[in-house]
C-alpha atoms as a PDB file:
ATOM      1  CA  UNK A   1     -67.861  74.807 -69.953  1.00  0.00           C
ATOM      2  CA  UNK A   2     -69.489  77.530 -67.903  1.00  0.00           C
ATOM      3  CA  UNK A   3     -68.518  81.048 -68.795  1.00  0.00           C
ATOM      4  CA  UNK A   4     -66.060  82.612 -66.423  1.00  0.00           C
ATOM      5  CA  UNK A   5     -67.622  84.739 -63.601  1.00  0.00           C
ATOM      6  CA  UNK A   6     -67.128  88.411 -63.460  1.00  0.00           C
ATOM      7  CA  UNK A   7     -64.888  89.166 -60.481  1.00  0.00           C
ATOM      8  CA  UNK A   8     -66.981  92.161 -59.397  1.00  0.00           C
ATOM      9  CA  UNK A   9     -70.209  90.131 -59.455  1.00  0.00           C
ATOM     10  CA  UNK A  10     -68.612  87.464 -57.306  1.00  0.00           C
ATOM     11  CA  UNK A  11     -67.575  90.115 -54.755  1.00  0.00           C
ATOM     12  CA  UNK A  12     -71.072  91.587 -54.630  1.00  0.00           C
ATOM     13  CA  UNK A  13     -72.563  88.138 -54.030  1.00  0.00           C
ATOM     14  CA  UNK A  14     -70.174  87.499 -51.181  1.00  0.00           C
ATOM     15  CA  UNK A  15     -71.044  90.868 -49.617  1.00  0.00           C
ATOM     16  CA  UNK A  16     -74.796  90.019 -49.675  1.00  0.00           C
ATOM     17  CA  UNK A  17     -74.165  86.714 -47.996  1.00  0.00           C
ATOM     18  CA  UNK A  18     -72.179  88.449 -45.237  1.00  0.00           C
ATOM     19  CA  UNK A  19     -74.927  90.974 -44.381  1.00  0.00           C
ATOM     20  CA  UNK A  20     -77.899  88.606 -44.757  1.00  0.00           C
ATOM     21  CA  UNK A  21     -79.505  87.959 -41.307  1.00  0.00           C
ATOM     22  CA  UNK A  22     -78.889  84.540 -39.961  1.00  0.00           C
ATOM     23  CA  UNK A  23     -81.746  82.557 -38.342  1.00  0.00           C
ATOM     24  CA  UNK A  24     -81.267  80.181 -35.448  1.00  0.00           C
ATOM     25  CA  UNK A  25     -83.242  77.009 -35.239  1.00  0.00           C
ATOM     26  CA  UNK A  26     -85.727  77.489 -32.377  1.00  0.00           C
ATOM     27  CA  UNK A  27     -87.318  74.566 -30.588  1.00  0.00           C
ATOM     28  CA  UNK A  28     -91.099  74.261 -29.938  1.00  0.00           C
ATOM     29  CA  UNK A  29     -90.512  74.638 -26.191  1.00  0.00           C
ATOM     30  CA  UNK A  30     -88.742  77.963 -26.740  1.00  0.00           C
ATOM     31  CA  UNK A  31     -91.572  79.173 -28.950  1.00  0.00           C
ATOM     32  CA  UNK A  32     -94.143  78.289 -26.294  1.00  0.00           C
ATOM     33  CA  UNK A  33     -92.196  80.083 -23.573  1.00  0.00           C
ATOM     34  CA  UNK A  34     -91.874  83.182 -25.723  1.00  0.00           C
ATOM     35  CA  UNK A  35     -95.586  83.165 -26.517  1.00  0.00           C
ATOM     36  CA  UNK A  36     -96.437  82.829 -22.836  1.00  0.00           C
ATOM     37  CA  UNK A  37     -94.177  85.744 -21.888  1.00  0.00           C
ATOM     38  CA  UNK A  38     -95.727  87.902 -24.604  1.00  0.00           C
ATOM     39  CA  UNK A  39     -99.246  87.136 -23.341  1.00  0.00           C
ATOM     40  CA  UNK A  40     -98.258  88.244 -19.815  1.00  0.00           C
ATOM     41  CA  UNK A  41     -96.817  91.522 -21.131  1.00  0.00           C
ATOM     42  CA  UNK A  42     -99.944  92.239 -23.191  1.00  0.00           C
ATOM     43  CA  UNK A  43    -102.204  91.574 -20.198  1.00  0.00           C
ATOM     44  CA  UNK A  44    -100.210  93.953 -18.014  1.00  0.00           C
ATOM     45  CA  UNK A  45    -100.350  96.638 -20.679  1.00  0.00           C
ATOM     46  CA  UNK A  46    -104.114  96.248 -20.982  1.00  0.00           C
ATOM     47  CA  UNK A  47    -104.658  96.713 -17.238  1.00  0.00           C
ATOM     48  CA  UNK A  48    -102.332  99.612 -16.899  1.00  0.00           C
ATOM     49  CA  UNK A  49    -103.722 103.149 -16.573  1.00  0.00           C
ATOM     50  CA  UNK A  50    -103.184 105.274 -19.665  1.00  0.00           C
ATOM     51  CA  UNK A  51    -101.485 107.890 -17.511  1.00  0.00           C
ATOM     52  CA  UNK A  52     -99.877 107.915 -14.084  1.00  0.00           C
ATOM     53  CA  UNK A  53    -102.651 108.723 -11.616  1.00  0.00           C
ATOM     54  CA  UNK A  54    -102.089 110.641  -8.384  1.00  0.00           C
ATOM     55  CA  UNK A  55    -101.933 108.279  -5.407  1.00  0.00           C
ATOM     56  CA  UNK A  56    -105.093 108.029  -3.303  1.00  0.00           C
ATOM     57  CA  UNK A  57    -104.852 109.627   0.130  1.00  0.00           C
ATOM     58  CA  UNK A  58    -103.940 107.113   2.825  1.00  0.00           C
ATOM     59  CA  UNK A  59    -106.523 106.456   5.524  1.00  0.00           C
ATOM     60  CA  UNK A  60    -106.013 108.885   8.368  1.00  0.00           C
ATOM     61  CA  UNK A  61    -104.506 107.498  11.512  1.00  0.00           C
ATOM     62  CA  UNK A  62    -107.211 106.634  13.989  1.00  0.00           C
ATOM     63  CA  UNK A  63    -110.051 106.894  11.497  1.00  0.00           C
ATOM     64  CA  UNK A  64    -111.826 103.898  12.999  1.00  0.00           C
ATOM     65  CA  UNK A  65    -111.583 100.282  14.085  1.00  0.00           C
ATOM     66  CA  UNK A  66    -108.605  98.509  15.539  1.00  0.00           C
ATOM     67  CA  UNK A  67    -109.463  99.008  19.210  1.00  0.00           C
ATOM     68  CA  UNK A  68    -109.795 102.819  19.012  1.00  0.00           C
ATOM     69  CA  UNK A  69    -112.255 104.458  21.434  1.00  0.00           C
ATOM     70  CA  UNK A  70    -114.112 107.040  19.341  1.00  0.00           C
ATOM     71  CA  UNK A  71    -116.271 109.045  21.730  1.00  0.00           C
ATOM     72  CA  UNK A  72    -119.009 111.441  20.657  1.00  0.00           C
ATOM     73  CA  UNK A  73    -122.096 113.131  22.072  1.00  0.00           C
ATOM     74  CA  UNK A  74    -125.667 112.539  20.951  1.00  0.00           C
ATOM     75  CA  UNK A  75    -128.152 115.363  20.548  1.00  0.00           C
ATOM     76  CA  UNK A  76    -125.458 118.025  20.222  1.00  0.00           C
ATOM     77  CA  UNK A  77    -124.345 120.528  17.635  1.00  0.00           C
ATOM     78  CA  UNK A  78    -121.072 122.326  18.421  1.00  0.00           C
ATOM     79  CA  UNK A  79    -119.715 125.806  18.037  1.00  0.00           C
ATOM     80  CA  UNK A  80    -116.691 126.386  15.811  1.00  0.00           C
ATOM     81  CA  UNK A  81    -115.403 127.925  12.620  1.00  0.00           C
ATOM     82  CA  UNK A  82    -116.631 126.107   9.543  1.00  0.00           C
ATOM     83  CA  UNK A  83    -113.891 124.202   7.683  1.00  0.00           C
ATOM     84  CA  UNK A  84    -116.220 122.433   5.261  1.00  0.00           C
ATOM     85  CA  UNK A  85    -119.758 123.748   4.757  1.00  0.00           C
ATOM     86  CA  UNK A  86    -121.911 120.688   4.075  1.00  0.00           C
ATOM     87  CA  UNK A  87    -124.491 122.830   2.287  1.00  0.00           C
ATOM     88  CA  UNK A  88    -121.992 124.321  -0.149  1.00  0.00           C
ATOM     89  CA  UNK A  89    -119.734 121.281  -0.563  1.00  0.00           C
ATOM     90  CA  UNK A  90    -122.524 118.685  -0.496  1.00  0.00           C
ATOM     91  CA  UNK A  91    -120.581 116.650   2.015  1.00  0.00           C
ATOM     92  CA  UNK A  92    -122.601 113.551   2.898  1.00  0.00           C
ATOM     93  CA  UNK A  93    -121.203 110.440   4.523  1.00  0.00           C
ATOM     94  CA  UNK A  94    -122.747 107.046   5.317  1.00  0.00           C
ATOM     95  CA  UNK A  95    -121.930 107.025   9.062  1.00  0.00           C
ATOM     96  CA  UNK A  96    -120.696 109.203  11.882  1.00  0.00           C
ATOM     97  CA  UNK A  97    -117.417 107.272  11.756  1.00  0.00           C
ATOM     98  CA  UNK A  98    -116.999 108.294   8.116  1.00  0.00           C
ATOM     99  CA  UNK A  99    -117.647 111.936   9.059  1.00  0.00           C
ATOM    100  CA  UNK A 100    -115.032 111.725  11.786  1.00  0.00           C
ATOM    101  CA  UNK A 101    -112.564 110.256   9.264  1.00  0.00           C
ATOM    102  CA  UNK A 102    -113.278 113.183   6.931  1.00  0.00           C
ATOM    103  CA  UNK A 103    -112.297 115.572   9.705  1.00  0.00           C
ATOM    104  CA  UNK A 104    -109.060 113.691  10.276  1.00  0.00           C
ATOM    105  CA  UNK A 105    -108.309 113.947   6.598  1.00  0.00           C
ATOM    106  CA  UNK A 106    -108.961 117.695   6.748  1.00  0.00           C
ATOM    107  CA  UNK A 107    -106.757 118.240   9.816  1.00  0.00           C
ATOM    108  CA  UNK A 108    -104.258 120.268   7.697  1.00  0.00           C
ATOM    109  CA  UNK A 109    -107.096 122.758   7.181  1.00  0.00           C
ATOM    110  CA  UNK A 110    -107.638 122.921  10.949  1.00  0.00           C
ATOM    111  CA  UNK A 111    -110.515 120.500  11.405  1.00  0.00           C
ATOM    112  CA  UNK A 112    -110.815 119.113  14.921  1.00  0.00           C
ATOM    113  CA  UNK A 113    -114.651 118.959  15.245  1.00  0.00           C
ATOM    114  CA  UNK A 114    -117.243 117.050  13.244  1.00  0.00           C
ATOM    115  CA  UNK A 115    -121.055 117.189  13.269  1.00  0.00           C
ATOM    116  CA  UNK A 116    -123.162 114.490  11.621  1.00  0.00           C
ATOM    117  CA  UNK A 117    -126.927 114.022  11.105  1.00  0.00           C
ATOM    118  CA  UNK A 118    -127.691 110.270  11.540  1.00  0.00           C
ATOM    119  CA  UNK A 119    -131.478 110.567  11.562  1.00  0.00           C
ATOM    120  CA  UNK A 120    -133.613 109.855   8.424  1.00  0.00           C
ATOM    121  CA  UNK A 121    -136.080 112.317   9.937  1.00  0.00           C
ATOM    122  CA  UNK A 122    -133.477 115.036   9.629  1.00  0.00           C
ATOM    123  CA  UNK A 123    -131.890 117.466  12.089  1.00  0.00           C
ATOM    124  CA  UNK A 124    -132.534 121.017  13.185  1.00  0.00           C
ATOM    125  CA  UNK A 125    -130.998 123.540  10.826  1.00  0.00           C
ATOM    126  CA  UNK A 126    -129.754 125.730  13.653  1.00  0.00           C
ATOM    127  CA  UNK A 127    -131.025 128.274  16.137  1.00  0.00           C
ATOM    128  CA  UNK A 128    -132.392 127.863  19.620  1.00  0.00           C
ATOM    129  CA  UNK A 129    -136.015 128.469  18.647  1.00  0.00           C
ATOM    130  CA  UNK A 130    -136.276 125.877  15.898  1.00  0.00           C
ATOM    131  CA  UNK A 131    -138.202 122.697  16.529  1.00  0.00           C
ATOM    132  CA  UNK A 132    -138.889 121.356  13.014  1.00  0.00           C
ATOM    133  CA  UNK A 133    -136.216 119.001  11.714  1.00  0.00           C
ATOM    134  CA  UNK A 134    -134.997 119.358   8.132  1.00  0.00           C
ATOM    135  CA  UNK A 135    -134.903 115.983   6.306  1.00  0.00           C
ATOM    136  CA  UNK A 136    -132.391 117.364   3.821  1.00  0.00           C
ATOM    137  CA  UNK A 137    -129.816 117.270   6.628  1.00  0.00           C
ATOM    138  CA  UNK A 138    -129.815 113.484   6.782  1.00  0.00           C
ATOM    139  CA  UNK A 139    -126.205 112.206   6.534  1.00  0.00           C
ATOM    140  CA  UNK A 140    -124.782 115.711   6.263  1.00  0.00           C
ATOM    141  CA  UNK A 141    -121.270 116.021   7.666  1.00  0.00           C
ATOM    142  CA  UNK A 142    -120.043 119.430   8.837  1.00  0.00           C
ATOM    143  CA  UNK A 143    -116.372 119.930   9.589  1.00  0.00           C
ATOM    144  CA  UNK A 144    -115.378 122.668  12.044  1.00  0.00           C
ATOM    145  CA  UNK A 145    -112.461 124.019  14.033  1.00  0.00           C
ATOM    146  CA  UNK A 146    -112.237 125.460  17.503  1.00  0.00           C
ATOM    147  CA  UNK A 147    -109.352 126.170  19.884  1.00  0.00           C
ATOM    148  CA  UNK A 148    -109.313 123.823  22.871  1.00  0.00           C
ATOM    149  CA  UNK A 149    -109.242 125.817  26.133  1.00  0.00           C
ATOM    150  CA  UNK A 150    -106.222 125.568  28.379  1.00  0.00           C
ATOM    151  CA  UNK A 151    -108.374 124.971  31.434  1.00  0.00           C
ATOM    152  CA  UNK A 152    -109.365 121.267  31.438  1.00  0.00           C
ATOM    153  CA  UNK A 153    -112.491 121.960  33.494  1.00  0.00           C
ATOM    154  CA  UNK A 154    -113.942 124.162  30.749  1.00  0.00           C
ATOM    155  CA  UNK A 155    -116.679 122.446  28.718  1.00  0.00           C
ATOM    156  CA  UNK A 156    -115.286 121.601  25.301  1.00  0.00           C
ATOM    157  CA  UNK A 157    -116.424 121.059  22.610  1.00  0.00           C
ATOM    158  CA  UNK A 158    -118.795 123.958  23.165  1.00  0.00           C
ATOM    159  CA  UNK A 159    -122.433 122.928  22.626  1.00  0.00           C
ATOM    160  CA  UNK A 160    -124.442 125.040  20.190  1.00  0.00           C
ATOM    161  CA  UNK A 161    -127.840 123.873  21.453  1.00  0.00           C
ATOM    162  CA  UNK A 162    -129.268 123.558  24.944  1.00  0.00           C
ATOM    163  CA  UNK A 163    -129.025 120.065  26.443  1.00  0.00           C
ATOM    164  CA  UNK A 164    -132.818 119.626  26.545  1.00  0.00           C
ATOM    165  CA  UNK A 165    -133.292 120.634  22.909  1.00  0.00           C
ATOM    166  CA  UNK A 166    -133.692 117.620  20.585  1.00  0.00           C
ATOM    167  CA  UNK A 167    -131.628 118.605  17.535  1.00  0.00           C
ATOM    168  CA  UNK A 168    -130.793 115.162  16.122  1.00  0.00           C
ATOM    169  CA  UNK A 169    -127.092 115.859  15.480  1.00  0.00           C
ATOM    170  CA  UNK A 170    -124.255 113.758  16.882  1.00  0.00           C
ATOM    171  CA  UNK A 171    -120.850 115.399  17.203  1.00  0.00           C
ATOM    172  CA  UNK A 172    -117.329 114.858  18.437  1.00  0.00           C
ATOM    173  CA  UNK A 173    -113.724 115.904  18.294  1.00  0.00           C
ATOM    174  CA  UNK A 174    -110.680 114.311  16.767  1.00  0.00           C
ATOM    175  CA  UNK A 175    -108.451 115.669  19.549  1.00  0.00           C
ATOM    176  CA  UNK A 176    -106.957 112.520  21.136  1.00  0.00           C
ATOM    177  CA  UNK A 177    -106.654 114.264  24.540  1.00  0.00           C
ATOM    178  CA  UNK A 178    -110.207 115.512  24.791  1.00  0.00           C
ATOM    179  CA  UNK A 179    -112.738 113.930  27.121  1.00  0.00           C
ATOM    180  CA  UNK A 180    -116.436 113.848  26.366  1.00  0.00           C
ATOM    181  CA  UNK A 181    -118.614 114.576  29.393  1.00  0.00           C
ATOM    182  CA  UNK A 182    -122.391 114.362  29.207  1.00  0.00           C
ATOM    183  CA  UNK A 183    -124.128 117.119  31.165  1.00  0.00           C
ATOM    184  CA  UNK A 184    -126.518 116.101  33.896  1.00  0.00           C
ATOM    185  CA  UNK A 185    -130.142 115.592  32.957  1.00  0.00           C
ATOM    186  CA  UNK A 186    -132.611 118.427  33.530  1.00  0.00           C
ATOM    187  CA  UNK A 187    -136.174 118.404  34.784  1.00  0.00           C
ATOM    188  CA  UNK A 188    -139.310 119.843  33.247  1.00  0.00           C
ATOM    189  CA  UNK A 189    -138.581 122.976  35.224  1.00  0.00           C
ATOM    190  CA  UNK A 190    -134.967 123.233  34.044  1.00  0.00           C
ATOM    191  CA  UNK A 191    -133.573 122.132  37.387  1.00  0.00           C
ATOM    192  CA  UNK A 192    -130.496 119.923  37.268  1.00  0.00           C
ATOM    193  CA  UNK A 193    -130.735 116.390  38.597  1.00  0.00           C
ATOM    194  CA  UNK A 194    -128.737 115.818  41.725  1.00  0.00           C
ATOM    195  CA  UNK A 195    -125.180 114.820  40.868  1.00  0.00           C
ATOM    196  CA  UNK A 196    -125.145 111.720  43.092  1.00  0.00           C
ATOM    197  CA  UNK A 197    -128.029 110.057  44.918  1.00  0.00           C
ATOM    198  CA  UNK A 198    -129.465 106.658  45.810  1.00  0.00           C
ATOM    199  CA  UNK A 199    -132.960 105.329  45.186  1.00  0.00           C
ATOM    200  CA  UNK A 200    -134.576 101.886  44.934  1.00  0.00           C
ATOM    201  CA  UNK A 201    -131.342 100.280  46.078  1.00  0.00           C
ATOM    202  CA  UNK A 202    -129.331 101.792  43.200  1.00  0.00           C
ATOM    203  CA  UNK A 203    -127.073 104.783  42.714  1.00  0.00           C
ATOM    204  CA  UNK A 204    -127.628 107.536  40.147  1.00  0.00           C
ATOM    205  CA  UNK A 205    -125.219 110.196  38.962  1.00  0.00           C
ATOM    206  CA  UNK A 206    -126.882 113.233  37.520  1.00  0.00           C
ATOM    207  CA  UNK A 207    -129.549 111.435  35.563  1.00  0.00           C
ATOM    208  CA  UNK A 208    -133.309 110.952  35.549  1.00  0.00           C
ATOM    209  CA  UNK A 209    -134.770 107.602  36.363  1.00  0.00           C
ATOM    210  CA  UNK A 210    -138.073 105.787  36.691  1.00  0.00           C
ATOM    211  CA  UNK A 211    -137.712 105.704  40.504  1.00  0.00           C
ATOM    212  CA  UNK A 212    -141.426 105.220  41.162  1.00  0.00           C
ATOM    213  CA  UNK A 213    -144.595 104.888  39.149  1.00  0.00           C
ATOM    214  CA  UNK A 214    -147.787 105.755  40.957  1.00  0.00           C
ATOM    215  CA  UNK A 215    -150.417 108.502  41.125  1.00  0.00           C
ATOM    216  CA  UNK A 216    -148.387 110.553  43.616  1.00  0.00           C
ATOM    217  CA  UNK A 217    -145.460 111.360  41.337  1.00  0.00           C
ATOM    218  CA  UNK A 218    -144.530 111.434  37.654  1.00  0.00           C
ATOM    219  CA  UNK A 219    -143.494 108.201  36.023  1.00  0.00           C
ATOM    220  CA  UNK A 220    -139.950 109.408  35.299  1.00  0.00           C
ATOM    221  CA  UNK A 221    -138.403 111.481  38.071  1.00  0.00           C
ATOM    222  CA  UNK A 222    -135.285 113.355  38.944  1.00  0.00           C
ATOM    223  CA  UNK A 223    -133.976 113.982  42.482  1.00  0.00           C
ATOM    224  CA  UNK A 224    -133.123 117.642  42.642  1.00  0.00           C
ATOM    225  CA  UNK A 225    -131.021 119.828  44.938  1.00  0.00           C
ATOM    226  CA  UNK A 226    -132.554 122.102  47.582  1.00  0.00           C
ATOM    227  CA  UNK A 227    -131.782 125.203  45.508  1.00  0.00           C
ATOM    228  CA  UNK A 228    -134.351 124.116  42.922  1.00  0.00           C
ATOM    229  CA  UNK A 229    -137.392 126.338  43.486  1.00  0.00           C
ATOM    230  CA  UNK A 230    -139.725 124.645  41.031  1.00  0.00           C
ATOM    231  CA  UNK A 231    -139.653 121.084  42.259  1.00  0.00           C
ATOM    232  CA  UNK A 232    -142.763 119.031  41.664  1.00  0.00           C
ATOM    233  CA  UNK A 233    -143.214 117.189  44.965  1.00  0.00           C
ATOM    234  CA  UNK A 234    -141.634 115.972  48.183  1.00  0.00           C
ATOM    235  CA  UNK A 235    -141.277 112.328  49.145  1.00  0.00           C
ATOM    236  CA  UNK A 236    -139.822 111.308  52.488  1.00  0.00           C
ATOM    237  CA  UNK A 237    -137.958 114.590  52.724  1.00  0.00           C
ATOM    238  CA  UNK A 238    -136.529 114.317  49.181  1.00  0.00           C
ATOM    239  CA  UNK A 239    -137.432 116.766  46.396  1.00  0.00           C
ATOM    240  CA  UNK A 240    -138.373 115.330  43.015  1.00  0.00           C
ATOM    241  CA  UNK A 241    -139.261 116.766  39.645  1.00  0.00           C
ATOM    242  CA  UNK A 242    -140.262 115.268  36.264  1.00  0.00           C
ATOM    243  CA  UNK A 243    -137.740 114.356  33.627  1.00  0.00           C
ATOM    244  CA  UNK A 244    -137.178 116.268  30.421  1.00  0.00           C
ATOM    245  CA  UNK A 245    -137.766 114.349  27.197  1.00  0.00           C
ATOM    246  CA  UNK A 246    -134.429 115.159  25.575  1.00  0.00           C
ATOM    247  CA  UNK A 247    -131.009 114.024  26.849  1.00  0.00           C
ATOM    248  CA  UNK A 248    -127.389 114.160  25.819  1.00  0.00           C
ATOM    249  CA  UNK A 249    -125.467 110.885  26.101  1.00  0.00           C
ATOM    250  CA  UNK A 250    -121.824 109.987  25.625  1.00  0.00           C
ATOM    251  CA  UNK A 251    -121.650 107.574  22.700  1.00  0.00           C
ATOM    252  CA  UNK A 252    -118.946 105.350  21.245  1.00  0.00           C
ATOM    253  CA  UNK A 253    -118.699 104.817  17.481  1.00  0.00           C
ATOM    254  CA  UNK A 254    -118.400 101.359  15.907  1.00  0.00           C
ATOM    255  CA  UNK A 255    -118.932  99.801  19.333  1.00  0.00           C
ATOM    256  CA  UNK A 256    -121.419  97.328  20.754  1.00  0.00           C
ATOM    257  CA  UNK A 257    -121.477  97.530  24.534  1.00  0.00           C
ATOM    258  CA  UNK A 258    -122.236  94.438  26.555  1.00  0.00           C
ATOM    259  CA  UNK A 259    -124.926  94.055  29.178  1.00  0.00           C
ATOM    260  CA  UNK A 260    -128.117  92.232  30.124  1.00  0.00           C
ATOM    261  CA  UNK A 261    -130.673  92.776  27.331  1.00  0.00           C
ATOM    262  CA  UNK A 262    -133.835  94.483  28.536  1.00  0.00           C
ATOM    263  CA  UNK A 263    -135.892  94.654  25.337  1.00  0.00           C
ATOM    264  CA  UNK A 264    -136.379  92.886  22.028  1.00  0.00           C
ATOM    265  CA  UNK A 265    -134.297  95.090  19.782  1.00  0.00           C
ATOM    266  CA  UNK A 266    -135.341  93.026  16.743  1.00  0.00           C
ATOM    267  CA  UNK A 267    -138.636  94.956  16.750  1.00  0.00           C
ATOM    268  CA  UNK A 268    -137.487  98.237  18.245  1.00  0.00           C
ATOM    269  CA  UNK A 269    -136.593 100.801  15.589  1.00  0.00           C
ATOM    270  CA  UNK A 270    -135.878 104.502  16.288  1.00  0.00           C
ATOM    271  CA  UNK A 271    -134.583 107.261  14.021  1.00  0.00           C
ATOM    272  CA  UNK A 272    -131.505 108.494  15.868  1.00  0.00           C
ATOM    273  CA  UNK A 273    -129.066 107.574  18.635  1.00  0.00           C
ATOM    274  CA  UNK A 274    -130.503 110.264  20.902  1.00  0.00           C
ATOM    275  CA  UNK A 275    -133.906 108.588  20.560  1.00  0.00           C
ATOM    276  CA  UNK A 276    -132.366 105.315  21.714  1.00  0.00           C
ATOM    277  CA  UNK A 277    -130.660 107.151  24.546  1.00  0.00           C
ATOM    278  CA  UNK A 278    -134.057 108.644  25.537  1.00  0.00           C
ATOM    279  CA  UNK A 279    -135.628 105.206  25.540  1.00  0.00           C
ATOM    280  CA  UNK A 280    -132.908 104.031  27.892  1.00  0.00           C
ATOM    281  CA  UNK A 281    -133.611 107.026  30.158  1.00  0.00           C
ATOM    282  CA  UNK A 282    -137.283 106.033  30.301  1.00  0.00           C
ATOM    283  CA  UNK A 283    -136.678 102.344  30.972  1.00  0.00           C
ATOM    284  CA  UNK A 284    -136.155 100.984  34.441  1.00  0.00           C
ATOM    285  CA  UNK A 285    -132.796  99.265  34.920  1.00  0.00           C
ATOM    286  CA  UNK A 286    -131.367 100.591  31.650  1.00  0.00           C
ATOM    287  CA  UNK A 287    -127.891 102.155  31.739  1.00  0.00           C
ATOM    288  CA  UNK A 288    -126.505 101.100  28.339  1.00  0.00           C
ATOM    289  CA  UNK A 289    -127.910 101.298  24.827  1.00  0.00           C
ATOM    290  CA  UNK A 290    -126.894 100.232  21.293  1.00  0.00           C
ATOM    291  CA  UNK A 291    -128.160 101.695  18.026  1.00  0.00           C
ATOM    292  CA  UNK A 292    -127.316 100.618  14.453  1.00  0.00           C
ATOM    293  CA  UNK A 293    -126.436 103.744  12.515  1.00  0.00           C
ATOM    294  CA  UNK A 294    -125.202 102.327   9.212  1.00  0.00           C
ATOM    295  CA  UNK A 295    -127.794 102.265   6.379  1.00  0.00           C
ATOM    296  CA  UNK A 296    -125.719  99.434   4.889  1.00  0.00           C
ATOM    297  CA  UNK A 297    -126.466  97.347   7.974  1.00  0.00           C
ATOM    298  CA  UNK A 298    -124.652  96.097  11.065  1.00  0.00           C
ATOM    299  CA  UNK A 299    -123.264  92.729  12.175  1.00  0.00           C
ATOM    300  CA  UNK A 300    -121.503  92.255   8.867  1.00  0.00           C
ATOM    301  CA  UNK A 301    -123.987  94.039   6.620  1.00  0.00           C
ATOM    302  CA  UNK A 302    -127.347  92.828   7.927  1.00  0.00           C
ATOM    303  CA  UNK A 303    -129.556  95.540   6.413  1.00  0.00           C
ATOM    304  CA  UNK A 304    -132.516  94.974   8.696  1.00  0.00           C
ATOM    305  CA  UNK A 305    -130.426  96.056  11.672  1.00  0.00           C
ATOM    306  CA  UNK A 306    -130.388  99.694  10.557  1.00  0.00           C
ATOM    307  CA  UNK A 307    -132.031 101.863  13.292  1.00  0.00           C
ATOM    308  CA  UNK A 308    -132.428  98.996  15.731  1.00  0.00           C
ATOM    309  CA  UNK A 309    -132.239 100.088  19.382  1.00  0.00           C
ATOM    310  CA  UNK A 310    -131.190  97.659  22.085  1.00  0.00           C
ATOM    311  CA  UNK A 311    -131.499  98.538  25.779  1.00  0.00           C
ATOM    312  CA  UNK A 312    -129.191  96.870  28.298  1.00  0.00           C
ATOM    313  CA  UNK A 313    -128.153  96.838  31.932  1.00  0.00           C
ATOM    314  CA  UNK A 314    -124.395  96.741  32.415  1.00  0.00           C
ATOM    315  CA  UNK A 315    -122.964  95.630  35.729  1.00  0.00           C
ATOM    316  CA  UNK A 316    -120.733  98.739  35.876  1.00  0.00           C
ATOM    317  CA  UNK A 317    -121.760 101.519  33.429  1.00  0.00           C
ATOM    318  CA  UNK A 318    -118.764 103.503  34.687  1.00  0.00           C
ATOM    319  CA  UNK A 319    -116.520 100.926  32.987  1.00  0.00           C
ATOM    320  CA  UNK A 320    -118.465  99.741  29.961  1.00  0.00           C
ATOM    321  CA  UNK A 321    -117.324  96.517  28.280  1.00  0.00           C
ATOM    322  CA  UNK A 322    -117.325  96.460  24.475  1.00  0.00           C
ATOM    323  CA  UNK A 323    -118.091  93.250  22.641  1.00  0.00           C
ATOM    324  CA  UNK A 324    -116.330  91.717  19.610  1.00  0.00           C
ATOM    325  CA  UNK A 325    -112.834  92.161  20.958  1.00  0.00           C
ATOM    326  CA  UNK A 326    -112.904  95.839  21.978  1.00  0.00           C
ATOM    327  CA  UNK A 327    -113.608  99.415  20.963  1.00  0.00           C
ATOM    328  CA  UNK A 328    -114.208 100.168  17.307  1.00  0.00           C
ATOM    329  CA  UNK A 329    -114.669  96.519  16.307  1.00  0.00           C
ATOM    330  CA  UNK A 330    -118.448  96.546  15.754  1.00  0.00           C
ATOM    331  CA  UNK A 331    -118.852  98.484  12.530  1.00  0.00           C
ATOM    332  CA  UNK A 332    -122.024 100.584  12.331  1.00  0.00           C
ATOM    333  CA  UNK A 333    -123.113 100.304  15.936  1.00  0.00           C
ATOM    334  CA  UNK A 334    -123.264 103.387  18.148  1.00  0.00           C
ATOM    335  CA  UNK A 335    -123.431 102.683  21.899  1.00  0.00           C
ATOM    336  CA  UNK A 336    -123.826 104.865  24.931  1.00  0.00           C
ATOM    337  CA  UNK A 337    -124.010 104.779  28.680  1.00  0.00           C
ATOM    338  CA  UNK A 338    -126.042 106.509  31.356  1.00  0.00           C
ATOM    339  CA  UNK A 339    -124.874 106.725  34.949  1.00  0.00           C
ATOM    340  CA  UNK A 340    -128.110 105.194  36.195  1.00  0.00           C
ATOM    341  CA  UNK A 341    -129.114 102.041  38.025  1.00  0.00           C
ATOM    342  CA  UNK A 342    -125.632 101.477  39.348  1.00  0.00           C
ATOM    343  CA  UNK A 343    -125.435  98.598  41.823  1.00  0.00           C
ATOM    344  CA  UNK A 344    -123.873  99.515  45.139  1.00  0.00           C
END
């Protein structure tokens, strides 16, 4: 016979059985599901940031693309209080559109003007007597602020350089109600081209043109008003003078304007949009130009497009027609118009 159990020992054994963890029988399918869920959790933990990062700033409204008309002016620096000093802050952007977007993002600091150097040859550092471009300015983006005048006829933004001074900068405003107006071209003698005239069967509005090309007059001419005392010559009762080499043109960012192609842009490379504008001014029939200003390429990243200049003749330069579905839909291209060679 077995010896009788101690009553206390029996109670302790029963207590251990009561508090011992019980295991359920788990099927293979349940094990596989649990392993899969654990793998997902571990992957999420591996990709998670170690600390909660501050959210990135959202793109500013109207920063580019999507049918937005982003007007600017070639060959122009502008007056204004400096919001971001590109020298001090080392602010460089890839394109003029990016510089404009930087101004929109700094609107809380008062930015409503931007100035960008698109030329690999650099831009003038400043001052009316400087003529040597500084290559260190290439892709600099200056952000400025200036109060818009109440009188809509007042020129604004205020140009810092004279219109016949080739500075290399392109500038614009983020004010949605502002209108960019290119000043009329000037002659060698600083006379203004007549605001509206006809020649060679076309109309011209304040611009120079290659009206004639012979030994009796300069190749590129400007019809001037009677108050111009330094005109170069008379022709059939009309006063003419030679064209200046530098011009200011209204330009549209991320836009490729349509028109009849006048040159082979595949082999025509210039350093800045104002150079392309000047080529258009010196080419008969030209009233529209396109320049690729993105060092990463245009037409979907085609690198060889950078600095290409295409000259075109639009049917109505007063109402330019953008390609690729509208304004702001041709990333990298900068296009401009000249009120020249307008068909009557």
